[in-house]
Protein backbone atom coordinates (compact mmCIF):
# COMPACT_ATOMS: atom_id res chain seq x y z
CA MET A 1 77.56 -230.36 68.46
CA PRO A 2 76.11 -232.21 71.49
CA SER A 3 78.35 -234.77 73.14
CA ARG A 4 77.68 -238.42 72.43
CA GLU A 5 76.42 -240.73 75.14
CA THR A 6 79.00 -243.05 76.65
CA VAL A 7 78.80 -246.82 76.25
CA VAL A 8 81.05 -248.99 78.42
CA LEU A 9 81.64 -252.51 77.11
CA LEU A 10 82.26 -255.26 79.68
CA HIS A 11 84.15 -258.24 78.28
CA PRO A 12 83.53 -261.95 78.95
CA GLY A 13 85.52 -263.96 81.46
CA GLY A 14 88.82 -265.49 80.41
CA THR A 15 89.38 -262.67 77.93
CA ASP A 16 90.32 -259.02 77.87
CA SER A 17 88.85 -255.93 76.24
CA SER A 18 89.91 -257.10 72.78
CA ALA A 19 87.00 -259.60 72.92
CA MET A 20 84.67 -256.62 72.51
CA ALA A 21 86.46 -255.11 69.48
CA VAL A 22 83.76 -256.01 66.96
CA THR A 23 81.03 -254.55 69.16
CA ALA A 24 83.10 -251.42 69.82
CA ALA A 25 83.67 -250.92 66.09
CA GLY A 26 79.96 -251.28 65.41
CA LEU A 27 78.93 -248.68 68.01
CA GLU A 28 81.69 -246.08 67.87
CA ASP A 29 80.07 -244.03 65.11
CA ARG A 30 77.08 -243.27 67.39
CA PHE A 31 78.53 -243.44 70.90
CA ASP A 32 81.62 -242.60 72.93
CA VAL A 33 82.74 -246.22 73.47
CA ARG A 34 84.97 -247.24 76.38
CA VAL A 35 86.32 -250.76 76.78
CA PRO A 36 88.13 -251.24 80.10
CA ASP A 37 90.00 -254.38 81.05
CA ARG A 38 89.21 -255.95 84.38
CA ARG A 39 90.74 -258.65 86.53
CA HIS A 40 89.05 -262.01 86.81
CA GLU A 41 87.91 -262.32 90.40
CA ALA A 42 84.68 -262.73 92.34
CA PHE A 43 81.71 -261.02 90.69
CA PRO A 44 81.13 -258.52 93.55
CA ALA A 45 84.78 -257.42 93.30
CA MET A 46 84.49 -257.01 89.52
CA ALA A 47 81.33 -254.95 90.01
CA GLN A 48 83.10 -252.73 92.57
CA ALA A 49 86.00 -252.21 90.18
CA THR A 50 83.55 -251.27 87.43
CA VAL A 51 81.84 -248.76 89.72
CA ALA A 52 85.26 -247.24 90.51
CA PHE A 53 86.01 -247.02 86.77
CA LEU A 54 82.66 -245.35 86.03
CA GLU A 55 83.15 -242.82 88.82
CA ALA A 56 86.71 -241.98 87.81
CA GLU A 57 86.66 -242.26 84.02
CA THR A 58 83.18 -241.35 82.79
CA ASP A 59 80.51 -238.72 83.04
CA ALA A 60 77.98 -241.17 84.47
CA PRO A 61 75.31 -242.29 83.95
CA VAL A 62 76.43 -244.43 81.04
CA HIS A 63 75.13 -247.35 79.02
CA LEU A 64 76.65 -250.70 80.01
CA VAL A 65 76.92 -253.52 77.47
CA GLY A 66 78.16 -256.76 79.00
CA HIS A 67 78.64 -260.18 77.49
CA SER A 68 78.74 -263.43 79.51
CA ASP A 69 80.68 -262.59 82.71
CA GLY A 70 80.55 -258.94 81.64
CA ALA A 71 76.75 -259.15 81.57
CA ILE A 72 76.73 -260.43 85.14
CA VAL A 73 79.03 -257.59 86.21
CA GLY A 74 76.78 -255.06 84.47
CA LEU A 75 73.69 -256.43 86.20
CA LEU A 76 75.40 -256.22 89.60
CA VAL A 77 76.47 -252.62 88.91
CA ALA A 78 72.92 -251.67 87.87
CA ARG A 79 71.63 -253.26 91.06
CA ALA A 80 74.16 -251.60 93.38
CA ARG A 81 74.50 -248.22 91.67
CA PRO A 82 71.54 -247.46 89.41
CA ASP A 83 72.61 -243.82 89.39
CA LEU A 84 75.60 -244.80 87.23
CA VAL A 85 73.71 -246.84 84.61
CA ARG A 86 71.38 -245.26 82.06
CA ARG A 87 70.65 -248.55 80.23
CA LEU A 88 72.02 -252.08 80.38
CA VAL A 89 72.53 -254.66 77.65
CA PHE A 90 72.78 -258.08 79.29
CA SER A 91 74.13 -260.48 76.66
CA SER A 92 74.52 -264.23 77.17
CA GLY A 93 74.90 -264.28 80.93
CA VAL A 94 73.11 -265.79 83.90
CA HIS A 95 71.45 -264.14 86.88
CA HIS A 96 71.86 -267.28 88.96
CA HIS A 97 74.73 -269.77 88.81
CA SER A 98 72.26 -272.62 88.33
CA GLY A 99 71.47 -271.22 84.89
CA TRP A 100 74.51 -272.62 83.09
CA LEU A 101 73.78 -275.71 81.01
CA PRO A 102 75.46 -278.99 82.03
CA GLY A 103 78.80 -279.47 80.30
CA VAL A 104 79.63 -275.76 80.00
CA GLU A 105 83.25 -275.15 81.01
CA LEU A 106 83.14 -272.99 84.12
CA GLU A 107 85.57 -271.37 86.52
CA GLU A 108 85.20 -272.11 90.25
CA ARG A 109 83.28 -268.88 91.00
CA HIS A 110 80.58 -269.86 88.48
CA HIS A 111 79.44 -272.67 90.78
CA THR A 112 78.30 -270.21 93.47
CA GLU A 113 77.94 -266.81 91.75
CA PRO A 114 75.81 -264.97 90.87
CA ALA A 115 72.80 -265.87 92.98
CA LEU A 116 70.17 -263.22 92.26
CA MET A 117 66.61 -264.25 93.07
CA PRO A 118 63.46 -262.91 91.36
CA ALA A 119 62.73 -260.36 94.12
CA GLU A 120 66.25 -258.92 93.78
CA LEU A 121 65.86 -258.74 90.00
CA ALA A 122 62.49 -257.01 90.37
CA ALA A 123 64.24 -254.18 92.23
CA ILE A 124 66.53 -253.39 89.25
CA ALA A 125 64.71 -250.57 87.48
CA THR A 126 67.39 -249.88 84.85
CA PRO A 127 66.00 -250.33 81.33
CA THR A 128 67.62 -253.57 80.15
CA LEU A 129 67.94 -255.41 76.86
CA VAL A 130 68.25 -259.11 77.69
CA MET A 131 70.01 -260.82 74.76
CA ALA A 132 70.91 -264.44 74.21
CA ALA A 133 71.73 -266.76 71.35
CA ASP A 134 69.26 -269.44 70.36
CA GLU A 135 72.00 -272.05 71.03
CA ASP A 136 73.59 -270.37 74.05
CA GLU A 137 75.24 -271.80 77.20
CA MET A 138 72.11 -271.29 79.26
CA PRO A 139 68.59 -272.51 78.50
CA LEU A 140 66.21 -269.98 76.95
CA GLU A 141 63.96 -270.49 79.98
CA HIS A 142 66.66 -269.00 82.24
CA THR A 143 67.00 -265.99 79.94
CA ILE A 144 63.23 -265.53 79.78
CA ALA A 145 63.00 -265.74 83.59
CA LEU A 146 65.45 -262.82 83.83
CA TYR A 147 63.51 -260.87 81.21
CA ARG A 148 60.24 -261.42 83.07
CA ALA A 149 61.70 -260.57 86.50
CA LEU A 150 63.17 -257.23 85.46
CA PRO A 151 60.55 -254.47 85.57
CA ASP A 152 61.77 -252.63 82.44
CA ALA A 153 63.23 -255.13 80.00
CA ASP A 154 63.23 -256.02 76.31
CA LEU A 155 64.16 -259.45 75.00
CA ALA A 156 66.22 -260.37 71.94
CA ILE A 157 67.14 -263.89 70.88
CA VAL A 158 69.86 -263.90 68.23
CA PRO A 159 69.05 -266.63 65.69
CA GLY A 160 71.59 -269.09 64.35
CA THR A 161 74.27 -268.36 66.94
CA ASP A 162 75.86 -269.73 70.08
CA HIS A 163 77.62 -268.05 73.00
CA GLY A 164 79.70 -265.94 70.60
CA SER A 165 76.69 -264.16 69.11
CA LEU A 166 78.13 -260.62 69.35
CA ALA A 167 81.05 -261.64 67.13
CA ASP A 168 79.18 -264.20 65.02
CA LYS A 169 76.41 -261.81 63.92
CA PRO A 170 77.88 -258.38 64.66
CA ASP A 171 75.70 -256.38 62.27
CA LEU A 172 72.48 -257.77 63.71
CA CYS A 173 73.65 -257.54 67.34
CA ASN A 174 75.08 -254.03 66.98
CA ALA A 175 71.88 -252.83 65.28
CA MET A 176 69.74 -254.22 68.13
CA ILE A 177 72.06 -252.74 70.77
CA ALA A 178 72.24 -249.30 69.10
CA ASP A 179 68.47 -249.25 68.59
CA PHE A 180 67.85 -250.11 72.26
CA LEU A 181 70.35 -247.58 73.57
CA GLY A 182 69.01 -244.81 71.35
CA ALA A 183 65.28 -245.50 71.72
CA PRO A 184 63.18 -243.16 73.85
CA ARG A 185 62.03 -244.73 77.10
């Protein structure tokens, strides 16, 4: 029997790997799912730690599925080390710190990071599924700008949800993720 492709789930900020339990459960029948914990620090440091994890603990390239801060980390990994990332699911994150809506509770680093510009995004060739909720913590325009800037991206807006879309509508989200990760490209 052929080995299953590896999916690494990257959890949101202020949480640990348990925040991705519903997503892990929904994907583990089709993929070898890994859910590492990471420290909450500057985004470049979290991306470096993720690269170290991928090099040491996986048979890269892998699929990365990140939510919120985890999405940002995944995008930075795909940018820095595309050789380690087969496909990326970028769920409910921002590519530029200005993308958070006013009133969203943010940690200090969110006021300056990330700061990816369209030209930097255009250089990320990793096939990417850009997902967001229709009532998320960033405007749809920000999400669509990321989708349009990436050269190989699909877009999914999860209806009737907010920033917790992966847990709020797990069947729908897991089906979209699994379909994207398994689709020929």
